[in-house]
Full PDB file with SEQRES, HELIX, SHEET, SSBOND, CRYST1, ORIGX, SCALE, CONECT and MASTER records, all heavy atoms in Angstrom:
SEQRES   1 A   32  PRO TYR ALA LEU PRO VAL VAL GLN ARG ARG PHE GLN GLY          
SEQRES   2 A   32  ILE GLU PRO ALA LEU ALA GLY ILE MET TYR ASN PHE GLU          
SEQRES   3 A   32  LYS TRP TRP ILE PRO LYS                                      
HELIX    1 AA1 PHE A   25  LYS A   27  5                                   3    
CRYST1    1.000    1.000    1.000  90.00  90.00  90.00 P 1           1          
ORIGX1      1.000000  0.000000  0.000000        0.00000                         
ORIGX2      0.000000  1.000000  0.000000        0.00000                         
ORIGX3      0.000000  0.000000  1.000000        0.00000                         
SCALE1      1.000000  0.000000  0.000000        0.00000                         
SCALE2      0.000000  1.000000  0.000000        0.00000                         
SCALE3      0.000000  0.000000  1.000000        0.00000                         
ATOM      1  N   PRO A   1     111.453 102.043 111.791  1.00  0.00           N  
ATOM      2  CA  PRO A   1     110.660 101.967 110.564  1.00  0.00           C  
ATOM      3  C   PRO A   1     109.271 102.564 110.733  1.00  0.00           C  
ATOM      4  O   PRO A   1     108.828 102.832 111.853  1.00  0.00           O  
ATOM      5  CB  PRO A   1     110.557 100.449 110.344  1.00  0.00           C  
ATOM      6  CG  PRO A   1     110.526  99.904 111.740  1.00  0.00           C  
ATOM      7  CD  PRO A   1     111.429 100.801 112.558  1.00  0.00           C  
ATOM      8  N   TYR A   2     108.598 102.757 109.631  1.00  0.00           N  
ATOM      9  CA  TYR A   2     107.184 103.092 109.659  1.00  0.00           C  
ATOM     10  C   TYR A   2     106.359 101.813 109.697  1.00  0.00           C  
ATOM     11  O   TYR A   2     106.704 100.825 109.042  1.00  0.00           O  
ATOM     12  CB  TYR A   2     106.783 103.915 108.427  1.00  0.00           C  
ATOM     13  CG  TYR A   2     107.175 105.363 108.506  1.00  0.00           C  
ATOM     14  CD1 TYR A   2     108.316 105.830 107.865  1.00  0.00           C  
ATOM     15  CD2 TYR A   2     106.400 106.268 109.237  1.00  0.00           C  
ATOM     16  CE1 TYR A   2     108.682 107.170 107.948  1.00  0.00           C  
ATOM     17  CE2 TYR A   2     106.762 107.605 109.325  1.00  0.00           C  
ATOM     18  CZ  TYR A   2     107.907 108.044 108.690  1.00  0.00           C  
ATOM     19  OH  TYR A   2     108.275 109.357 108.776  1.00  0.00           O  
ATOM     20  N   ALA A   3     105.288 101.837 110.466  1.00  0.00           N  
ATOM     21  CA  ALA A   3     104.303 100.762 110.411  1.00  0.00           C  
ATOM     22  C   ALA A   3     103.398 101.022 109.215  1.00  0.00           C  
ATOM     23  O   ALA A   3     102.943 102.158 109.016  1.00  0.00           O  
ATOM     24  CB  ALA A   3     103.476 100.712 111.696  1.00  0.00           C  
ATOM     25  N   LEU A   4     103.136  99.988 108.423  1.00  0.00           N  
ATOM     26  CA  LEU A   4     102.365 100.134 107.186  1.00  0.00           C  
ATOM     27  C   LEU A   4     101.266  99.076 107.110  1.00  0.00           C  
ATOM     28  O   LEU A   4     101.230  98.253 106.197  1.00  0.00           O  
ATOM     29  CB  LEU A   4     103.317 100.015 105.983  1.00  0.00           C  
ATOM     30  CG  LEU A   4     104.524 100.961 105.987  1.00  0.00           C  
ATOM     31  CD1 LEU A   4     105.505 100.575 104.876  1.00  0.00           C  
ATOM     32  CD2 LEU A   4     104.077 102.410 105.849  1.00  0.00           C  
ATOM     33  N   PRO A   5     100.357  99.064 108.071  1.00  0.00           N  
ATOM     34  CA  PRO A   5      99.317  98.038 108.065  1.00  0.00           C  
ATOM     35  C   PRO A   5      98.270  98.265 106.989  1.00  0.00           C  
ATOM     36  O   PRO A   5      97.966  99.392 106.602  1.00  0.00           O  
ATOM     37  CB  PRO A   5      98.695  98.159 109.462  1.00  0.00           C  
ATOM     38  CG  PRO A   5      98.960  99.557 109.877  1.00  0.00           C  
ATOM     39  CD  PRO A   5     100.272  99.929 109.264  1.00  0.00           C  
ATOM     40  N   VAL A   6      97.699  97.164 106.524  1.00  0.00           N  
ATOM     41  CA  VAL A   6      96.595  97.201 105.575  1.00  0.00           C  
ATOM     42  C   VAL A   6      95.487  96.313 106.133  1.00  0.00           C  
ATOM     43  O   VAL A   6      95.749  95.252 106.698  1.00  0.00           O  
ATOM     44  CB  VAL A   6      97.048  96.720 104.174  1.00  0.00           C  
ATOM     45  CG1 VAL A   6      97.502  95.285 104.189  1.00  0.00           C  
ATOM     46  CG2 VAL A   6      95.952  96.919 103.136  1.00  0.00           C  
ATOM     47  N   VAL A   7      94.235  96.778 106.012  1.00  0.00           N  
ATOM     48  CA  VAL A   7      93.087  96.081 106.582  1.00  0.00           C  
ATOM     49  C   VAL A   7      91.975  96.024 105.541  1.00  0.00           C  
ATOM     50  O   VAL A   7      91.672  97.030 104.884  1.00  0.00           O  
ATOM     51  CB  VAL A   7      92.553  96.809 107.839  1.00  0.00           C  
ATOM     52  CG1 VAL A   7      91.450  95.993 108.507  1.00  0.00           C  
ATOM     53  CG2 VAL A   7      93.675  97.086 108.826  1.00  0.00           C  
ATOM     54  N   GLN A   8      91.366  94.856 105.424  1.00  0.00           N  
ATOM     55  CA  GLN A   8      90.224  94.714 104.519  1.00  0.00           C  
ATOM     56  C   GLN A   8      89.127  95.718 104.886  1.00  0.00           C  
ATOM     57  O   GLN A   8      88.840  95.944 106.064  1.00  0.00           O  
ATOM     58  CB  GLN A   8      89.648  93.296 104.623  1.00  0.00           C  
ATOM     59  CG  GLN A   8      90.475  92.234 103.927  1.00  0.00           C  
ATOM     60  CD  GLN A   8      90.018  92.010 102.501  1.00  0.00           C  
ATOM     61  OE1 GLN A   8      89.146  92.709 101.995  1.00  0.00           O  
ATOM     62  NE2 GLN A   8      90.608  91.010 101.845  1.00  0.00           N  
ATOM     63  N   ARG A   9      88.529  96.315 103.876  1.00  0.00           N  
ATOM     64  CA  ARG A   9      87.516  97.349 104.115  1.00  0.00           C  
ATOM     65  C   ARG A   9      86.244  96.830 104.783  1.00  0.00           C  
ATOM     66  O   ARG A   9      85.455  97.631 105.306  1.00  0.00           O  
ATOM     67  CB  ARG A   9      87.134  98.025 102.791  1.00  0.00           C  
ATOM     68  CG  ARG A   9      88.088  99.130 102.378  1.00  0.00           C  
ATOM     69  CD  ARG A   9      87.602  99.812 101.108  1.00  0.00           C  
ATOM     70  NE  ARG A   9      88.389 100.996 100.812  1.00  0.00           N  
ATOM     71  CZ  ARG A   9      88.104 102.215 101.246  1.00  0.00           C  
ATOM     72  NH1 ARG A   9      87.037 102.393 101.998  1.00  0.00           N  
ATOM     73  NH2 ARG A   9      88.870 103.238 100.946  1.00  0.00           N  
ATOM     74  N   ARG A  10      86.027  95.533 104.767  1.00  0.00           N  
ATOM     75  CA  ARG A  10      84.796  95.028 105.373  1.00  0.00           C  
ATOM     76  C   ARG A  10      84.775  95.215 106.892  1.00  0.00           C  
ATOM     77  O   ARG A  10      83.709  95.148 107.518  1.00  0.00           O  
ATOM     78  CB  ARG A  10      84.575  93.555 105.020  1.00  0.00           C  
ATOM     79  CG  ARG A  10      85.564  92.584 105.591  1.00  0.00           C  
ATOM     80  CD  ARG A  10      85.456  91.224 104.882  1.00  0.00           C  
ATOM     81  NE  ARG A  10      86.342  90.228 105.469  1.00  0.00           N  
ATOM     82  CZ  ARG A  10      85.970  89.312 106.350  1.00  0.00           C  
ATOM     83  NH1 ARG A  10      84.708  89.255 106.733  1.00  0.00           N  
ATOM     84  NH2 ARG A  10      86.818  88.445 106.825  1.00  0.00           N  
ATOM     85  N   PHE A  11      85.932  95.495 107.493  1.00  0.00           N  
ATOM     86  CA  PHE A  11      85.992  95.670 108.945  1.00  0.00           C  
ATOM     87  C   PHE A  11      85.654  97.106 109.307  1.00  0.00           C  
ATOM     88  O   PHE A  11      86.246  98.051 108.782  1.00  0.00           O  
ATOM     89  CB  PHE A  11      87.368  95.264 109.476  1.00  0.00           C  
ATOM     90  CG  PHE A  11      87.607  93.798 109.314  1.00  0.00           C  
ATOM     91  CD1 PHE A  11      88.286  93.315 108.211  1.00  0.00           C  
ATOM     92  CD2 PHE A  11      87.098  92.895 110.230  1.00  0.00           C  
ATOM     93  CE1 PHE A  11      88.467  91.958 108.027  1.00  0.00           C  
ATOM     94  CE2 PHE A  11      87.276  91.533 110.050  1.00  0.00           C  
ATOM     95  CZ  PHE A  11      87.954  91.057 108.950  1.00  0.00           C  
ATOM     96  N   GLN A  12      84.703  97.253 110.204  1.00  0.00           N  
ATOM     97  CA  GLN A  12      84.204  98.548 110.639  1.00  0.00           C  
ATOM     98  C   GLN A  12      84.605  98.799 112.099  1.00  0.00           C  
ATOM     99  O   GLN A  12      84.989  97.894 112.816  1.00  0.00           O  
ATOM    100  CB  GLN A  12      82.683  98.588 110.506  1.00  0.00           C  
ATOM    101  CG  GLN A  12      82.164  98.195 109.129  1.00  0.00           C  
ATOM    102  CD  GLN A  12      82.614  99.149 108.049  1.00  0.00           C  
ATOM    103  OE1 GLN A  12      82.501 100.372 108.189  1.00  0.00           O  
ATOM    104  NE2 GLN A  12      83.136  98.612 106.955  1.00  0.00           N  
ATOM    105  N   GLY A  13      84.485 100.057 112.507  1.00  0.00           N  
ATOM    106  CA  GLY A  13      84.780 100.402 113.893  1.00  0.00           C  
ATOM    107  C   GLY A  13      86.229 100.741 114.159  1.00  0.00           C  
ATOM    108  O   GLY A  13      86.623 100.941 115.303  1.00  0.00           O  
ATOM    109  N   ILE A  14      87.042 100.820 113.106  1.00  0.00           N  
ATOM    110  CA  ILE A  14      88.450 101.174 113.267  1.00  0.00           C  
ATOM    111  C   ILE A  14      88.539 102.685 113.472  1.00  0.00           C  
ATOM    112  O   ILE A  14      88.049 103.456 112.648  1.00  0.00           O  
ATOM    113  CB  ILE A  14      89.269 100.752 112.038  1.00  0.00           C  
ATOM    114  CG1 ILE A  14      89.137  99.237 111.810  1.00  0.00           C  
ATOM    115  CG2 ILE A  14      90.725 101.143 112.201  1.00  0.00           C  
ATOM    116  CD1 ILE A  14      89.769  98.751 110.518  1.00  0.00           C  
ATOM    117  N   GLU A  15      89.165 103.102 114.565  1.00  0.00           N  
ATOM    118  CA  GLU A  15      89.258 104.517 114.896  1.00  0.00           C  
ATOM    119  C   GLU A  15      90.713 104.869 115.209  1.00  0.00           C  
ATOM    120  O   GLU A  15      91.146 104.768 116.355  1.00  0.00           O  
ATOM    121  CB  GLU A  15      88.353 104.849 116.087  1.00  0.00           C  
ATOM    122  CG  GLU A  15      86.875 104.580 115.811  1.00  0.00           C  
ATOM    123  CD  GLU A  15      85.983 104.889 117.003  1.00  0.00           C  
ATOM    124  OE1 GLU A  15      86.542 105.223 118.081  1.00  0.00           O  
ATOM    125  OE2 GLU A  15      84.754 104.802 116.869  1.00  0.00           O  
ATOM    126  N   PRO A  16      91.498 105.254 114.219  1.00  0.00           N  
ATOM    127  CA  PRO A  16      92.904 105.592 114.459  1.00  0.00           C  
ATOM    128  C   PRO A  16      93.057 106.643 115.555  1.00  0.00           C  
ATOM    129  O   PRO A  16      92.291 107.605 115.626  1.00  0.00           O  
ATOM    130  CB  PRO A  16      93.369 106.132 113.109  1.00  0.00           C  
ATOM    131  CG  PRO A  16      92.440 105.500 112.110  1.00  0.00           C  
ATOM    132  CD  PRO A  16      91.116 105.413 112.802  1.00  0.00           C  
ATOM    133  N   ALA A  17      94.038 106.431 116.423  1.00  0.00           N  
ATOM    134  CA  ALA A  17      94.281 107.346 117.539  1.00  0.00           C  
ATOM    135  C   ALA A  17      95.758 107.283 117.886  1.00  0.00           C  
ATOM    136  O   ALA A  17      96.542 106.614 117.216  1.00  0.00           O  
ATOM    137  CB  ALA A  17      93.400 106.942 118.734  1.00  0.00           C  
ATOM    138  N   LEU A  18      96.138 107.958 118.939  1.00  0.00           N  
ATOM    139  CA  LEU A  18      97.530 107.946 119.357  1.00  0.00           C  
ATOM    140  C   LEU A  18      98.017 106.533 119.636  1.00  0.00           C  
ATOM    141  O   LEU A  18      99.191 106.219 119.470  1.00  0.00           O  
ATOM    142  CB  LEU A  18      97.721 108.816 120.606  1.00  0.00           C  
ATOM    143  CG  LEU A  18      97.513 110.317 120.410  1.00  0.00           C  
ATOM    144  CD1 LEU A  18      97.691 111.029 121.728  1.00  0.00           C  
ATOM    145  CD2 LEU A  18      98.463 110.865 119.367  1.00  0.00           C  
ATOM    146  N   ALA A  19      97.115 105.662 120.061  1.00  0.00           N  
ATOM    147  CA  ALA A  19      97.483 104.283 120.385  1.00  0.00           C  
ATOM    148  C   ALA A  19      97.502 103.381 119.164  1.00  0.00           C  
ATOM    149  O   ALA A  19      97.667 102.176 119.290  1.00  0.00           O  
ATOM    150  CB  ALA A  19      96.506 103.725 121.429  1.00  0.00           C  
ATOM    151  N   GLY A  20      97.321 103.923 117.975  1.00  0.00           N  
ATOM    152  CA  GLY A  20      97.330 103.092 116.778  1.00  0.00           C  
ATOM    153  C   GLY A  20      95.920 102.774 116.328  1.00  0.00           C  
ATOM    154  O   GLY A  20      95.021 103.620 116.392  1.00  0.00           O  
ATOM    155  N   ILE A  21      95.709 101.544 115.872  1.00  0.00           N  
ATOM    156  CA  ILE A  21      94.364 101.171 115.425  1.00  0.00           C  
ATOM    157  C   ILE A  21      93.825  99.927 116.125  1.00  0.00           C  
ATOM    158  O   ILE A  21      92.634  99.630 116.006  1.00  0.00           O  
ATOM    159  CB  ILE A  21      94.302 100.957 113.900  1.00  0.00           C  
ATOM    160  CG1 ILE A  21      95.221  99.826 113.463  1.00  0.00           C  
ATOM    161  CG2 ILE A  21      94.633 102.233 113.158  1.00  0.00           C  
ATOM    162  CD1 ILE A  21      95.100  99.480 111.987  1.00  0.00           C  
ATOM    163  N   MET A  22      94.659  99.199 116.854  1.00  0.00           N  
ATOM    164  CA  MET A  22      94.189  97.956 117.457  1.00  0.00           C  
ATOM    165  C   MET A  22      93.676  98.099 118.886  1.00  0.00           C  
ATOM    166  O   MET A  22      93.198  97.138 119.481  1.00  0.00           O  
ATOM    167  CB  MET A  22      95.319  96.915 117.450  1.00  0.00           C  
ATOM    168  CG  MET A  22      95.638  96.336 116.086  1.00  0.00           C  
ATOM    169  SD  MET A  22      94.362  95.218 115.468  1.00  0.00           S  
ATOM    170  CE  MET A  22      94.670  93.785 116.480  1.00  0.00           C  
ATOM    171  N   TYR A  23      93.781  99.268 119.472  1.00  0.00           N  
ATOM    172  CA  TYR A  23      93.424  99.440 120.883  1.00  0.00           C  
ATOM    173  C   TYR A  23      91.958  99.096 121.151  1.00  0.00           C  
ATOM    174  O   TYR A  23      91.595  98.682 122.243  1.00  0.00           O  
ATOM    175  CB  TYR A  23      93.713 100.882 121.323  1.00  0.00           C  
ATOM    176  CG  TYR A  23      92.770 101.891 120.725  1.00  0.00           C  
ATOM    177  CD1 TYR A  23      91.600 102.269 121.378  1.00  0.00           C  
ATOM    178  CD2 TYR A  23      93.022 102.434 119.466  1.00  0.00           C  
ATOM    179  CE1 TYR A  23      90.715 103.165 120.796  1.00  0.00           C  
ATOM    180  CE2 TYR A  23      92.157 103.327 118.886  1.00  0.00           C  
ATOM    181  CZ  TYR A  23      91.006 103.698 119.551  1.00  0.00           C  
ATOM    182  OH  TYR A  23      90.127 104.574 118.971  1.00  0.00           O  
ATOM    183  N   ASN A  24      91.080  99.267 120.152  1.00  0.00           N  
ATOM    184  CA  ASN A  24      89.654  98.981 120.342  1.00  0.00           C  
ATOM    185  C   ASN A  24      89.215  97.769 119.524  1.00  0.00           C  
ATOM    186  O   ASN A  24      88.068  97.682 119.079  1.00  0.00           O  
ATOM    187  CB  ASN A  24      88.805 100.199 119.960  1.00  0.00           C  
ATOM    188  CG  ASN A  24      88.798 100.451 118.454  1.00  0.00           C  
ATOM    189  OD1 ASN A  24      89.729 100.055 117.744  1.00  0.00           O  
ATOM    190  ND2 ASN A  24      87.753 101.084 117.946  1.00  0.00           N  
ATOM    191  N   PHE A  25      90.123  96.824 119.343  1.00  0.00           N  
ATOM    192  CA  PHE A  25      89.842  95.674 118.484  1.00  0.00           C  
ATOM    193  C   PHE A  25      88.572  94.929 118.899  1.00  0.00           C  
ATOM    194  O   PHE A  25      87.851  94.392 118.049  1.00  0.00           O  
ATOM    195  CB  PHE A  25      91.036  94.713 118.510  1.00  0.00           C  
ATOM    196  CG  PHE A  25      90.832  93.472 117.693  1.00  0.00           C  
ATOM    197  CD1 PHE A  25      90.712  93.535 116.313  1.00  0.00           C  
ATOM    198  CD2 PHE A  25      90.743  92.227 118.305  1.00  0.00           C  
ATOM    199  CE1 PHE A  25      90.517  92.391 115.557  1.00  0.00           C  
ATOM    200  CE2 PHE A  25      90.550  91.078 117.562  1.00  0.00           C  
ATOM    201  CZ  PHE A  25      90.429  91.159 116.180  1.00  0.00           C  
ATOM    202  N   GLU A  26      88.276  94.907 120.197  1.00  0.00           N  
ATOM    203  CA  GLU A  26      87.064  94.207 120.666  1.00  0.00           C  
ATOM    204  C   GLU A  26      85.795  94.795 120.043  1.00  0.00           C  
ATOM    205  O   GLU A  26      84.757  94.120 119.997  1.00  0.00           O  
ATOM    206  CB  GLU A  26      86.951  94.315 122.194  1.00  0.00           C  
ATOM    207  CG  GLU A  26      88.123  93.732 122.955  1.00  0.00           C  
ATOM    208  CD  GLU A  26      88.204  94.292 124.363  1.00  0.00           C  
ATOM    209  OE1 GLU A  26      87.137  94.596 124.931  1.00  0.00           O  
ATOM    210  OE2 GLU A  26      89.314  94.432 124.891  1.00  0.00           O  
ATOM    211  N   LYS A  27      85.877  96.042 119.566  1.00  0.00           N  
ATOM    212  CA  LYS A  27      84.700  96.701 119.016  1.00  0.00           C  
ATOM    213  C   LYS A  27      84.687  96.743 117.494  1.00  0.00           C  
ATOM    214  O   LYS A  27      83.766  97.302 116.902  1.00  0.00           O  
ATOM    215  CB  LYS A  27      84.585  98.118 119.595  1.00  0.00           C  
ATOM    216  CG  LYS A  27      84.353  98.122 121.096  1.00  0.00           C  
ATOM    217  CD  LYS A  27      84.191  99.536 121.645  1.00  0.00           C  
ATOM    218  CE  LYS A  27      83.930  99.509 123.140  1.00  0.00           C  
ATOM    219  NZ  LYS A  27      83.786 100.872 123.696  1.00  0.00           N  
ATOM    220  N   TRP A  28      85.702  96.181 116.863  1.00  0.00           N  
ATOM    221  CA  TRP A  28      85.635  96.046 115.406  1.00  0.00           C  
ATOM    222  C   TRP A  28      84.465  95.132 115.060  1.00  0.00           C  
ATOM    223  O   TRP A  28      84.107  94.224 115.824  1.00  0.00           O  
ATOM    224  CB  TRP A  28      86.919  95.428 114.878  1.00  0.00           C  
ATOM    225  CG  TRP A  28      88.125  96.320 114.886  1.00  0.00           C  
ATOM    226  CD1 TRP A  28      88.334  97.436 115.633  1.00  0.00           C  
ATOM    227  CD2 TRP A  28      89.309  96.119 114.114  1.00  0.00           C  
ATOM    228  NE1 TRP A  28      89.569  97.958 115.382  1.00  0.00           N  
ATOM    229  CE2 TRP A  28      90.204  97.172 114.447  1.00  0.00           C  
ATOM    230  CE3 TRP A  28      89.715  95.170 113.181  1.00  0.00           C  
ATOM    231  CZ2 TRP A  28      91.473  97.278 113.882  1.00  0.00           C  
ATOM    232  CZ3 TRP A  28      90.968  95.279 112.612  1.00  0.00           C  
ATOM    233  CH2 TRP A  28      91.842  96.331 112.955  1.00  0.00           C  
ATOM    234  N   TRP A  29      83.884  95.329 113.891  1.00  0.00           N  
ATOM    235  CA  TRP A  29      82.771  94.476 113.500  1.00  0.00           C  
ATOM    236  C   TRP A  29      82.698  94.374 111.983  1.00  0.00           C  
ATOM    237  O   TRP A  29      83.355  95.103 111.253  1.00  0.00           O  
ATOM    238  CB  TRP A  29      81.450  94.993 114.072  1.00  0.00           C  
ATOM    239  CG  TRP A  29      81.093  96.406 113.688  1.00  0.00           C  
ATOM    240  CD1 TRP A  29      81.569  97.562 114.227  1.00  0.00           C  
ATOM    241  CD2 TRP A  29      80.173  96.799 112.655  1.00  0.00           C  
ATOM    242  NE1 TRP A  29      81.020  98.664 113.600  1.00  0.00           N  
ATOM    243  CE2 TRP A  29      80.152  98.224 112.641  1.00  0.00           C  
ATOM    244  CE3 TRP A  29      79.366  96.096 111.766  1.00  0.00           C  
ATOM    245  CZ2 TRP A  29      79.355  98.946 111.765  1.00  0.00           C  
ATOM    246  CZ3 TRP A  29      78.567  96.828 110.888  1.00  0.00           C  
ATOM    247  CH2 TRP A  29      78.558  98.224 110.896  1.00  0.00           C  
ATOM    248  N   ILE A  30      81.895  93.411 111.535  1.00  0.00           N  
ATOM    249  CA  ILE A  30      81.759  93.117 110.116  1.00  0.00           C  
ATOM    250  C   ILE A  30      80.271  93.136 109.757  1.00  0.00           C  
ATOM    251  O   ILE A  30      79.471  92.456 110.418  1.00  0.00           O  
ATOM    252  CB  ILE A  30      82.325  91.721 109.775  1.00  0.00           C  
ATOM    253  CG1 ILE A  30      83.702  91.529 110.390  1.00  0.00           C  
ATOM    254  CG2 ILE A  30      82.378  91.503 108.269  1.00  0.00           C  
ATOM    255  CD1 ILE A  30      84.176  90.079 110.400  1.00  0.00           C  
ATOM    256  N   PRO A  31      79.875  93.880 108.747  1.00  0.00           N  
ATOM    257  CA  PRO A  31      78.470  93.830 108.319  1.00  0.00           C  
ATOM    258  C   PRO A  31      78.054  92.387 108.017  1.00  0.00           C  
ATOM    259  O   PRO A  31      78.840  91.595 107.490  1.00  0.00           O  
ATOM    260  CB  PRO A  31      78.460  94.690 107.055  1.00  0.00           C  
ATOM    261  CG  PRO A  31      79.602  95.639 107.242  1.00  0.00           C  
ATOM    262  CD  PRO A  31      80.660  94.848 107.954  1.00  0.00           C  
ATOM    263  N   LYS A  32      76.828  92.052 108.343  1.00  0.00           N  
ATOM    264  CA  LYS A  32      76.336  90.672 108.208  1.00  0.00           C  
ATOM    265  C   LYS A  32      76.569  90.104 106.813  1.00  0.00           C  
ATOM    266  O   LYS A  32      76.972  88.954 106.654  1.00  0.00           O  
ATOM    267  CB  LYS A  32      74.841  90.619 108.532  1.00  0.00           C  
ATOM    268  CG  LYS A  32      74.507  90.645 110.011  1.00  0.00           C  
ATOM    269  CD  LYS A  32      74.910  89.344 110.693  1.00  0.00           C  
ATOM    270  CE  LYS A  32      74.473  89.325 112.157  1.00  0.00           C  
ATOM    271  NZ  LYS A  32      74.940  88.078 112.829  1.00  0.00           N  
TER     272      LYS A  32                                                      
MASTER        0    0    0    1    0    0    0    6  271    1    0    3          
END                                                                             
């Protein structure tokens, strides 16, 4: 199947890459 994730726009730092989008989850952040 295709992966079809959806993420709230308030989350920043998402950088899609060959590894998907969760590989850098530790660096995701939310504006105050």
